[in-house]
Amino acid sequence: MANRLRNRSTDCGRLVEEETETIVEMITWFTDIVNGLEALGKTYKESEKVMKILMSLPSKWHTKVTTIQEAKDLTKLPMEELIGSLMRYEINLTKKLQ
């Protein structure tokens, strides 16, 4: 059990979005890891999950990450609000690239 917890914790710590991965895919992957860790007894505060997601985004997201960090209290930012904001930004990025 200790090895499984360590492996999943490592996966969560190395969370890095692939350039071709959508926010929904990334959040699904992240949620699967966190749920697996919780099943093994490891828990994360909401603010820790928010920070892990923000830190994992690739450089093309730097502007959005900075905006969120400056405009929001990350210790109180709900995951749903973060995900919604990232999804809207992703849609706008996609439109700009077309």
C-alpha atoms as a PDB file:
ATOM      1  CA  MET A   1       0.000   0.000   0.000  1.00  0.00           C
ATOM      2  CA  ALA A   2       2.823   2.441   0.787  1.00  0.00           C
ATOM      3  CA  ASN A   3       4.333   1.897  -2.679  1.00  0.00           C
ATOM      4  CA  ARG A   4       0.985   2.529  -4.421  1.00  0.00           C
ATOM      5  CA  LEU A   5       0.510   5.717  -2.404  1.00  0.00           C
ATOM      6  CA  ARG A   6       4.037   6.879  -3.234  1.00  0.00           C
ATOM      7  CA  ASN A   7       3.559   6.108  -6.963  1.00  0.00           C
ATOM      8  CA  ARG A   8       0.246   7.964  -7.159  1.00  0.00           C
ATOM      9  CA  SER A   9       1.648  10.909  -5.182  1.00  0.00           C
ATOM     10  CA  THR A  10       4.536  11.063  -7.632  1.00  0.00           C
ATOM     11  CA  ASP A  11       2.092  11.029 -10.559  1.00  0.00           C
ATOM     12  CA  CYS A  12       0.157  13.894  -9.005  1.00  0.00           C
ATOM     13  CA  GLY A  13       3.343  15.851  -8.329  1.00  0.00           C
ATOM     14  CA  ARG A  14       4.456  15.451 -11.941  1.00  0.00           C
ATOM     15  CA  LEU A  15       1.147  16.564 -13.397  1.00  0.00           C
ATOM     16  CA  VAL A  16       1.999  18.318 -16.642  1.00  0.00           C
ATOM     17  CA  GLU A  17      -0.510  18.899 -19.365  1.00  0.00           C
ATOM     18  CA  GLU A  18       0.467  17.741 -22.811  1.00  0.00           C
ATOM     19  CA  GLU A  19       0.237  20.451 -25.466  1.00  0.00           C
ATOM     20  CA  THR A  20      -2.478  18.497 -27.302  1.00  0.00           C
ATOM     21  CA  GLU A  21      -4.469  17.579 -24.211  1.00  0.00           C
ATOM     22  CA  THR A  22      -7.690  19.461 -23.491  1.00  0.00           C
ATOM     23  CA  ILE A  23      -8.552  20.904 -20.096  1.00  0.00           C
ATOM     24  CA  VAL A  24     -11.325  18.328 -19.715  1.00  0.00           C
ATOM     25  CA  GLU A  25      -8.864  15.486 -20.420  1.00  0.00           C
ATOM     26  CA  MET A  26      -6.326  16.939 -18.010  1.00  0.00           C
ATOM     27  CA  ILE A  27      -8.893  17.440 -15.233  1.00  0.00           C
ATOM     28  CA  THR A  28     -10.229  13.905 -15.742  1.00  0.00           C
ATOM     29  CA  TRP A  29      -6.707  12.489 -15.437  1.00  0.00           C
ATOM     30  CA  PHE A  30      -6.001  14.663 -12.386  1.00  0.00           C
ATOM     31  CA  THR A  31      -9.278  13.617 -10.718  1.00  0.00           C
ATOM     32  CA  ASP A  32      -8.506   9.940 -11.317  1.00  0.00           C
ATOM     33  CA  ILE A  33      -5.137  10.332  -9.598  1.00  0.00           C
ATOM     34  CA  VAL A  34      -6.569  12.287  -6.664  1.00  0.00           C
ATOM     35  CA  ASN A  35      -9.411   9.768  -6.223  1.00  0.00           C
ATOM     36  CA  GLY A  36      -6.873   6.941  -6.240  1.00  0.00           C
ATOM     37  CA  LEU A  37      -4.810   8.710  -3.601  1.00  0.00           C
ATOM     38  CA  GLU A  38      -7.872   9.328  -1.464  1.00  0.00           C
ATOM     39  CA  ALA A  39      -8.724   5.632  -1.670  1.00  0.00           C
ATOM     40  CA  LEU A  40      -5.246   4.973  -0.273  1.00  0.00           C
ATOM     41  CA  GLY A  41      -5.706   7.489   2.556  1.00  0.00           C
ATOM     42  CA  LYS A  42      -3.938  10.552   1.118  1.00  0.00           C
ATOM     43  CA  THR A  43      -5.968  13.737   0.912  1.00  0.00           C
ATOM     44  CA  TYR A  44      -5.389  17.172  -0.577  1.00  0.00           C
ATOM     45  CA  LYS A  45      -6.974  20.483   0.367  1.00  0.00           C
ATOM     46  CA  GLU A  46      -8.950  22.188  -2.374  1.00  0.00           C
ATOM     47  CA  SER A  47      -6.293  24.918  -2.522  1.00  0.00           C
ATOM     48  CA  GLU A  48      -3.546  22.307  -3.058  1.00  0.00           C
ATOM     49  CA  LYS A  49      -5.458  20.825  -5.980  1.00  0.00           C
ATOM     50  CA  VAL A  50      -5.975  24.295  -7.485  1.00  0.00           C
ATOM     51  CA  MET A  51      -2.258  25.058  -7.224  1.00  0.00           C
ATOM     52  CA  LYS A  52      -1.230  21.699  -8.721  1.00  0.00           C
ATOM     53  CA  ILE A  53      -3.469  22.302 -11.719  1.00  0.00           C
ATOM     54  CA  LEU A  54      -2.216  25.856 -12.252  1.00  0.00           C
ATOM     55  CA  MET A  55       1.426  24.766 -11.966  1.00  0.00           C
ATOM     56  CA  SER A  56       0.900  21.968 -14.453  1.00  0.00           C
ATOM     57  CA  LEU A  57      -0.315  24.070 -17.354  1.00  0.00           C
ATOM     58  CA  PRO A  58       2.066  24.558 -20.293  1.00  0.00           C
ATOM     59  CA  SER A  59       3.614  27.911 -21.152  1.00  0.00           C
ATOM     60  CA  LYS A  60       0.825  28.941 -23.552  1.00  0.00           C
ATOM     61  CA  TRP A  61      -1.367  29.222 -20.420  1.00  0.00           C
ATOM     62  CA  HIS A  62       1.067  31.498 -18.532  1.00  0.00           C
ATOM     63  CA  THR A  63      -1.020  34.641 -19.078  1.00  0.00           C
ATOM     64  CA  LYS A  64      -4.185  32.992 -17.756  1.00  0.00           C
ATOM     65  CA  VAL A  65      -2.391  31.464 -14.765  1.00  0.00           C
ATOM     66  CA  THR A  66      -0.923  34.854 -13.836  1.00  0.00           C
ATOM     67  CA  THR A  67      -4.323  36.521 -14.187  1.00  0.00           C
ATOM     68  CA  ILE A  68      -5.964  33.942 -11.913  1.00  0.00           C
ATOM     69  CA  GLN A  69      -3.166  34.176  -9.348  1.00  0.00           C
ATOM     70  CA  GLU A  70      -3.430  37.967  -9.218  1.00  0.00           C
ATOM     71  CA  ALA A  71      -7.242  38.225  -9.279  1.00  0.00           C
ATOM     72  CA  LYS A  72      -8.275  35.364  -7.014  1.00  0.00           C
ATOM     73  CA  ASP A  73      -7.597  34.201  -3.487  1.00  0.00           C
ATOM     74  CA  LEU A  74      -6.284  30.742  -4.376  1.00  0.00           C
ATOM     75  CA  THR A  75      -6.933  29.459  -0.852  1.00  0.00           C
ATOM     76  CA  LYS A  76     -10.666  30.013  -1.458  1.00  0.00           C
ATOM     77  CA  LEU A  77     -10.974  29.370  -5.204  1.00  0.00           C
ATOM     78  CA  PRO A  78     -13.323  26.409  -5.830  1.00  0.00           C
ATOM     79  CA  MET A  79     -12.145  23.802  -8.342  1.00  0.00           C
ATOM     80  CA  GLU A  80     -15.369  24.244 -10.329  1.00  0.00           C
ATOM     81  CA  GLU A  81     -14.680  27.950 -10.785  1.00  0.00           C
ATOM     82  CA  LEU A  82     -11.077  27.276 -11.834  1.00  0.00           C
ATOM     83  CA  ILE A  83     -12.127  24.592 -14.318  1.00  0.00           C
ATOM     84  CA  GLY A  84     -14.822  26.843 -15.806  1.00  0.00           C
ATOM     85  CA  SER A  85     -12.345  29.680 -16.204  1.00  0.00           C
ATOM     86  CA  LEU A  86      -9.775  27.412 -17.853  1.00  0.00           C
ATOM     87  CA  MET A  87     -12.369  25.936 -20.200  1.00  0.00           C
ATOM     88  CA  ARG A  88     -13.494  29.409 -21.330  1.00  0.00           C
ATOM     89  CA  TYR A  89      -9.876  30.406 -21.919  1.00  0.00           C
ATOM     90  CA  GLU A  90      -9.244  27.208 -23.893  1.00  0.00           C
ATOM     91  CA  ILE A  91     -12.232  27.979 -26.140  1.00  0.00           C
ATOM     92  CA  ASN A  92     -10.890  31.483 -26.755  1.00  0.00           C
ATOM     93  CA  LEU A  93      -7.396  30.125 -27.524  1.00  0.00           C
ATOM     94  CA  THR A  94      -8.863  27.654 -29.995  1.00  0.00           C
ATOM     95  CA  LYS A  95     -10.862  30.402 -31.737  1.00  0.00           C
ATOM     96  CA  LYS A  96      -7.758  32.591 -32.055  1.00  0.00           C
ATOM     97  CA  LEU A  97      -5.772  29.762 -33.636  1.00  0.00           C
ATOM     98  CA  GLN A  98      -8.415  29.062 -36.312  1.00  0.00           C
END
